[in-house]
């Protein structure tokens, strides 16, 4: 579809020209009006197009694309729900252990000596600037304004409620080893580097979910480290490198396996399984998600 404006009838006509079956035009127009051509068609058309002809595979219907959209939306809802649980836990853990070791006030969490930044002091300075904006900026949250007004200070556990997961991941990255280890111990004694990589992946996934972008074909430039889950699931390798579960959606599943408690992960697993069963995506979609054929074994394997 070009950048030229097309009304809904013209959009339908354009789709028909591309070999897409539209059984009910009025229903299709109603769906387009709620989601937009870009959000629905541009978002999911490649799943159903012939790469040679650039037309829809014979027999593809408008409803096929809509069901793919609904499937992805259901995935976003589930993944966001459980990533937020990890987010709350990591914020609580960092707040507790940082306060225990260094203090909880503004002067403490904006003190360079309480971090291990090596050659990355500039990045810590940028983090401090963001923190200052959240505290003294015109859009400061009510809880921050309250503590400033009453106590002339904002404890770290209050600040944490205003930080994004990405900003929290940055704080974790530059924590000193003792504090990092204490945080990792709250997550089944996961390795310090493992947790850092997983937080980066979860941050990107969370943002995709929150903004309603495509999730099923997630492929980030950041990979989680090789771990026991990859080995126990016997994920395929090429030249010693795992082909799945590194920077795709299944890598997020693996991360949640490590970072959620057993009961919560079980709930996540069954919700995910229910959605996959409901929409029955073809194996090609599951493969694009990075899911190995034995992905359901993730529930019973032990990783810590």
Protein backbone atom coordinates (compact mmCIF):
# COMPACT_ATOMS: atom_id res chain seq x y z
CA UNK A 1 0.00 0.00 0.00
CA UNK A 2 1.38 3.42 -0.94
CA UNK A 3 1.55 6.47 1.31
CA UNK A 4 -1.39 7.96 -0.60
CA UNK A 5 -4.59 8.18 1.45
CA UNK A 6 -7.13 5.49 0.63
CA UNK A 7 -10.59 5.36 2.15
CA UNK A 8 -11.79 2.04 3.55
CA UNK A 9 -13.48 0.94 0.32
CA UNK A 10 -10.28 1.63 -1.60
CA UNK A 11 -8.29 -0.30 1.01
CA UNK A 12 -10.57 -3.31 0.53
CA UNK A 13 -10.22 -3.04 -3.25
CA UNK A 14 -6.44 -2.91 -2.90
CA UNK A 15 -6.41 -6.05 -0.77
CA UNK A 16 -8.55 -7.94 -3.29
CA UNK A 17 -6.09 -7.01 -6.04
CA UNK A 18 -3.43 -8.77 -4.00
CA UNK A 19 -5.37 -12.05 -4.02
CA UNK A 20 -6.81 -11.70 -0.49
CA UNK A 21 -10.26 -13.22 0.05
CA UNK A 22 -12.68 -10.89 1.84
CA UNK A 23 -15.88 -12.68 2.80
CA UNK A 24 -17.60 -9.77 4.50
CA UNK A 25 -16.60 -6.26 3.42
CA UNK A 26 -18.56 -4.37 6.09
CA UNK A 27 -17.04 -6.45 8.90
CA UNK A 28 -13.57 -6.03 7.39
CA UNK A 29 -14.02 -2.26 7.19
CA UNK A 30 -15.14 -2.19 10.83
CA UNK A 31 -11.99 -4.06 11.83
CA UNK A 32 -9.77 -1.74 9.77
CA UNK A 33 -11.40 1.29 11.40
CA UNK A 34 -10.51 -0.01 14.87
CA UNK A 35 -7.00 -1.27 14.19
CA UNK A 36 -5.90 0.63 11.03
CA UNK A 37 -4.59 -0.78 7.78
CA UNK A 38 -1.02 -0.29 8.93
CA UNK A 39 -1.52 -1.99 12.28
CA UNK A 40 -3.32 -4.99 10.84
CA UNK A 41 -2.24 -5.54 7.25
CA UNK A 42 1.29 -4.14 7.28
CA UNK A 43 1.86 -5.78 10.65
CA UNK A 44 0.98 -9.34 9.67
CA UNK A 45 0.74 -9.63 5.86
CA UNK A 46 4.19 -11.19 5.42
CA UNK A 47 3.03 -14.32 7.23
CA UNK A 48 0.55 -14.96 4.41
CA UNK A 49 2.34 -13.59 1.32
CA UNK A 50 4.16 -15.45 -1.40
CA UNK A 51 7.66 -13.90 -1.42
CA UNK A 52 7.97 -14.50 -5.19
CA UNK A 53 4.70 -12.93 -6.37
CA UNK A 54 4.28 -10.58 -3.39
CA UNK A 55 0.61 -11.56 -3.41
CA UNK A 56 -1.32 -13.45 -0.79
CA UNK A 57 -1.04 -17.23 -0.87
CA UNK A 58 -4.09 -18.69 -2.59
CA UNK A 59 -6.91 -19.22 -0.13
CA UNK A 60 -5.74 -16.58 2.39
CA UNK A 61 -8.63 -14.63 3.90
CA UNK A 62 -8.91 -11.30 5.66
CA UNK A 63 -9.94 -13.24 8.75
CA UNK A 64 -6.67 -15.21 8.64
CA UNK A 65 -4.76 -11.95 9.08
CA UNK A 66 -7.15 -10.74 11.76
CA UNK A 67 -6.76 -13.99 13.73
CA UNK A 68 -2.98 -13.61 13.54
CA UNK A 69 -3.36 -10.09 14.92
CA UNK A 70 -5.55 -11.37 17.77
CA UNK A 71 -3.05 -14.14 18.52
CA UNK A 72 -0.19 -11.67 18.77
CA UNK A 73 -2.31 -9.35 20.94
CA UNK A 74 -3.04 -12.24 23.30
CA UNK A 75 0.66 -13.04 23.48
CA UNK A 76 1.45 -9.41 24.34
CA UNK A 77 -1.10 -9.43 27.14
CA UNK A 78 0.35 -12.55 28.75
CA UNK A 79 4.01 -11.61 28.40
CA UNK A 80 3.45 -8.08 29.68
CA UNK A 81 1.57 -9.40 32.73
CA UNK A 82 4.46 -11.61 33.80
CA UNK A 83 7.28 -9.26 32.81
CA UNK A 84 5.66 -6.69 35.13
CA UNK A 85 5.89 -9.22 37.97
CA UNK A 86 9.64 -9.55 37.35
CA UNK A 87 9.89 -5.76 37.12
CA UNK A 88 8.30 -5.26 40.53
CA UNK A 89 10.55 -7.93 42.03
CA UNK A 90 13.80 -6.53 40.61
CA UNK A 91 12.90 -3.00 41.76
CA UNK A 92 12.11 -4.25 45.25
CA UNK A 93 15.30 -6.32 45.41
CA UNK A 94 17.59 -3.50 44.26
CA UNK A 95 15.93 -1.02 46.63
CA UNK A 96 16.36 -3.34 49.60
CA UNK A 97 19.96 -4.39 49.04
CA UNK A 98 21.18 -0.96 47.93
CA UNK A 99 19.67 0.61 51.05
CA UNK A 100 21.14 -2.10 53.24
CA UNK A 101 24.64 -1.54 51.88
CA UNK A 102 24.82 2.18 51.11
CA UNK A 103 21.76 4.02 52.44
CA UNK A 104 18.45 4.91 50.83
CA UNK A 105 18.52 8.69 50.27
CA UNK A 106 19.07 10.85 47.22
CA UNK A 107 22.68 11.49 48.21
CA UNK A 108 23.28 7.74 48.40
CA UNK A 109 21.87 6.58 45.08
CA UNK A 110 23.45 9.53 43.28
CA UNK A 111 26.90 8.90 44.75
CA UNK A 112 29.40 7.62 42.18
CA UNK A 113 31.33 5.74 44.85
CA UNK A 114 28.38 3.38 45.30
CA UNK A 115 28.68 2.10 41.74
CA UNK A 116 31.18 0.17 39.67
CA UNK A 117 31.20 1.85 36.27
CA UNK A 118 34.75 1.38 34.96
CA UNK A 119 35.09 3.44 31.77
CA UNK A 120 31.36 4.18 31.62
CA UNK A 121 31.05 7.11 33.99
CA UNK A 122 29.25 9.13 31.31
CA UNK A 123 26.44 6.60 31.26
CA UNK A 124 26.07 6.79 35.02
CA UNK A 125 25.99 10.59 34.76
CA UNK A 126 23.15 10.30 32.23
CA UNK A 127 21.33 7.98 34.61
CA UNK A 128 21.71 10.52 37.41
CA UNK A 129 20.32 13.23 35.11
CA UNK A 130 17.25 11.11 34.42
CA UNK A 131 16.82 10.52 38.14
CA UNK A 132 17.09 14.25 38.83
CA UNK A 133 14.47 14.98 36.19
CA UNK A 134 12.09 12.53 37.84
CA UNK A 135 12.67 14.16 41.23
CA UNK A 136 12.82 17.86 40.41
CA UNK A 137 11.16 17.99 36.99
CA UNK A 138 7.79 19.62 36.47
CA UNK A 139 6.22 16.22 35.86
CA UNK A 140 7.39 14.66 39.12
CA UNK A 141 4.97 12.03 40.41
CA UNK A 142 2.71 12.69 43.43
CA UNK A 143 4.64 10.24 45.61
CA UNK A 144 7.93 11.97 44.86
CA UNK A 145 6.44 15.41 45.49
CA UNK A 146 5.00 14.16 48.76
CA UNK A 147 8.33 12.87 50.09
CA UNK A 148 10.19 15.97 48.95
CA UNK A 149 7.66 18.21 50.64
CA UNK A 150 7.52 16.28 53.90
CA UNK A 151 11.04 14.82 54.23
CA UNK A 152 13.13 16.86 51.73
CA UNK A 153 14.37 13.53 50.40
CA UNK A 154 13.16 10.69 48.18
CA UNK A 155 14.10 7.17 49.35
CA UNK A 156 15.20 4.74 46.67
CA UNK A 157 12.11 2.55 47.02
CA UNK A 158 9.94 5.56 46.13
CA UNK A 159 12.19 6.54 43.23
CA UNK A 160 12.05 2.99 41.89
CA UNK A 161 8.30 3.21 41.31
CA UNK A 162 8.99 5.96 38.74
CA UNK A 163 11.87 4.27 36.93
CA UNK A 164 11.36 2.34 33.72
CA UNK A 165 12.54 -1.24 33.54
CA UNK A 166 15.32 -0.03 31.24
CA UNK A 167 16.51 2.51 33.81
CA UNK A 168 16.32 -0.17 36.50
CA UNK A 169 18.40 -2.48 34.31
CA UNK A 170 20.98 0.30 33.97
CA UNK A 171 21.19 0.69 37.74
CA UNK A 172 21.67 -3.06 38.05
CA UNK A 173 24.39 -3.00 35.41
CA UNK A 174 26.51 -0.58 37.42
CA UNK A 175 25.89 -1.96 40.91
CA UNK A 176 28.96 -3.13 42.77
CA UNK A 177 29.55 -6.86 42.88
CA UNK A 178 28.39 -7.34 46.47
CA UNK A 179 25.07 -5.65 45.78
CA UNK A 180 24.62 -7.46 42.46
CA UNK A 181 25.18 -10.83 44.11
CA UNK A 182 22.63 -10.02 46.81
CA UNK A 183 20.08 -9.16 44.12
CA UNK A 184 20.86 -12.31 42.14
CA UNK A 185 20.34 -14.39 45.27
CA UNK A 186 16.73 -13.17 45.28
CA UNK A 187 16.35 -14.74 41.83
CA UNK A 188 17.38 -18.30 42.62
CA UNK A 189 21.09 -17.35 42.73
CA UNK A 190 21.19 -16.65 39.01
CA UNK A 191 24.54 -15.50 37.61
CA UNK A 192 25.18 -11.77 37.64
CA UNK A 193 25.83 -11.56 33.90
CA UNK A 194 22.83 -13.80 33.16
CA UNK A 195 20.47 -11.51 35.03
CA UNK A 196 21.86 -8.43 33.31
CA UNK A 197 21.29 -9.90 29.84
CA UNK A 198 17.80 -11.10 30.72
CA UNK A 199 16.82 -7.66 32.01
CA UNK A 200 17.85 -6.10 28.70
CA UNK A 201 15.75 -8.64 26.77
CA UNK A 202 12.76 -8.18 29.08
CA UNK A 203 13.01 -4.40 28.73
CA UNK A 204 12.77 -4.59 24.95
CA UNK A 205 9.94 -7.12 25.13
CA UNK A 206 8.05 -5.02 27.67
CA UNK A 207 8.26 -1.96 25.44
CA UNK A 208 6.95 -3.91 22.45
CA UNK A 209 4.02 -5.19 24.51
CA UNK A 210 3.22 -1.79 26.00
CA UNK A 211 3.18 -0.08 22.58
CA UNK A 212 1.17 -2.78 20.84
CA UNK A 213 3.87 -3.69 18.32
CA UNK A 214 4.49 -7.12 16.84
CA UNK A 215 5.77 -9.56 19.44
CA UNK A 216 5.60 -13.03 17.91
CA UNK A 217 8.59 -12.44 15.61
CA UNK A 218 10.72 -10.70 18.23
CA UNK A 219 14.41 -10.77 17.36
CA UNK A 220 16.60 -8.37 19.30
CA UNK A 221 20.24 -7.49 18.94
CA UNK A 222 20.80 -8.62 22.52
CA UNK A 223 21.01 -12.29 23.44
CA UNK A 224 20.73 -13.99 26.78
CA UNK A 225 23.69 -16.16 27.75
CA UNK A 226 23.77 -19.89 27.17
CA UNK A 227 22.17 -21.58 30.17
CA UNK A 228 21.01 -24.91 31.56
CA UNK A 229 17.59 -24.51 29.92
CA UNK A 230 19.13 -24.50 26.43
CA UNK A 231 21.02 -27.69 27.21
CA UNK A 232 18.14 -29.55 28.86
CA UNK A 233 15.76 -28.69 26.02
CA UNK A 234 18.38 -29.91 23.52
CA UNK A 235 17.93 -26.80 21.41
CA UNK A 236 19.55 -27.17 17.99
CA UNK A 237 23.02 -25.76 17.47
CA UNK A 238 25.17 -24.71 14.55
CA UNK A 239 28.90 -24.46 15.14
CA UNK A 240 28.27 -24.53 18.88
CA UNK A 241 25.72 -21.71 18.78
CA UNK A 242 22.10 -22.23 19.83
CA UNK A 243 19.66 -21.44 17.03
CA UNK A 244 16.70 -20.59 19.27
CA UNK A 245 16.00 -19.22 22.72
CA UNK A 246 18.69 -16.57 22.59
CA UNK A 247 17.18 -13.32 21.28
CA UNK A 248 13.69 -14.41 20.24
CA UNK A 249 10.39 -14.78 22.06
CA UNK A 250 11.36 -18.16 23.45
CA UNK A 251 14.35 -16.47 25.06
CA UNK A 252 11.80 -14.41 26.98
CA UNK A 253 10.10 -17.65 28.07
CA UNK A 254 13.46 -18.98 29.28
CA UNK A 255 14.14 -15.72 31.13
CA UNK A 256 10.79 -15.91 32.88
CA UNK A 257 11.55 -19.53 33.82
CA UNK A 258 14.59 -18.27 35.72
CA UNK A 259 13.17 -15.06 37.16
CA UNK A 260 9.66 -16.06 38.27
CA UNK A 261 8.99 -18.37 41.20
CA UNK A 262 7.83 -21.89 40.34
CA UNK A 263 4.13 -21.28 41.00
CA UNK A 264 4.01 -18.03 39.02
CA UNK A 265 5.89 -19.53 36.08
CA UNK A 266 3.42 -22.43 36.04
CA UNK A 267 0.57 -19.91 35.74
CA UNK A 268 2.38 -18.16 32.90
CA UNK A 269 3.00 -21.47 31.14
CA UNK A 270 -0.63 -22.57 31.24
CA UNK A 271 -1.89 -19.18 30.06
CA UNK A 272 0.58 -19.28 27.17
CA UNK A 273 -0.31 -22.85 26.30
CA UNK A 274 -4.03 -21.96 26.30
CA UNK A 275 -3.51 -19.10 23.84
CA UNK A 276 -1.39 -21.22 21.52
CA UNK A 277 -4.03 -23.96 21.60
CA UNK A 278 -6.85 -21.47 20.94
CA UNK A 279 -5.27 -19.90 17.85
CA UNK A 280 -3.36 -22.99 16.66
CA UNK A 281 -0.62 -21.12 14.77
CA UNK A 282 1.22 -23.18 12.13
CA UNK A 283 4.62 -24.61 12.99
CA UNK A 284 6.25 -21.93 10.85
CA UNK A 285 4.94 -19.27 13.26
CA UNK A 286 6.12 -21.20 16.34
CA UNK A 287 9.51 -21.55 14.68
CA UNK A 288 9.65 -17.81 14.06
CA UNK A 289 8.85 -17.33 17.73
CA UNK A 290 11.89 -19.49 18.48
CA UNK A 291 9.80 -22.26 20.06
CA UNK A 292 11.39 -25.70 19.68
CA UNK A 293 9.07 -28.66 19.04
CA UNK A 294 9.49 -29.74 22.69
CA UNK A 295 8.93 -26.25 24.11
CA UNK A 296 6.33 -27.52 26.60
CA UNK A 297 9.11 -29.35 28.43
CA UNK A 298 10.13 -25.93 29.81
CA UNK A 299 7.57 -26.46 32.59
CA UNK A 300 9.14 -29.56 34.09
CA UNK A 301 12.86 -29.01 33.59
CA UNK A 302 14.84 -27.75 36.58
CA UNK A 303 17.13 -24.79 36.00
CA UNK A 304 18.05 -23.87 39.59
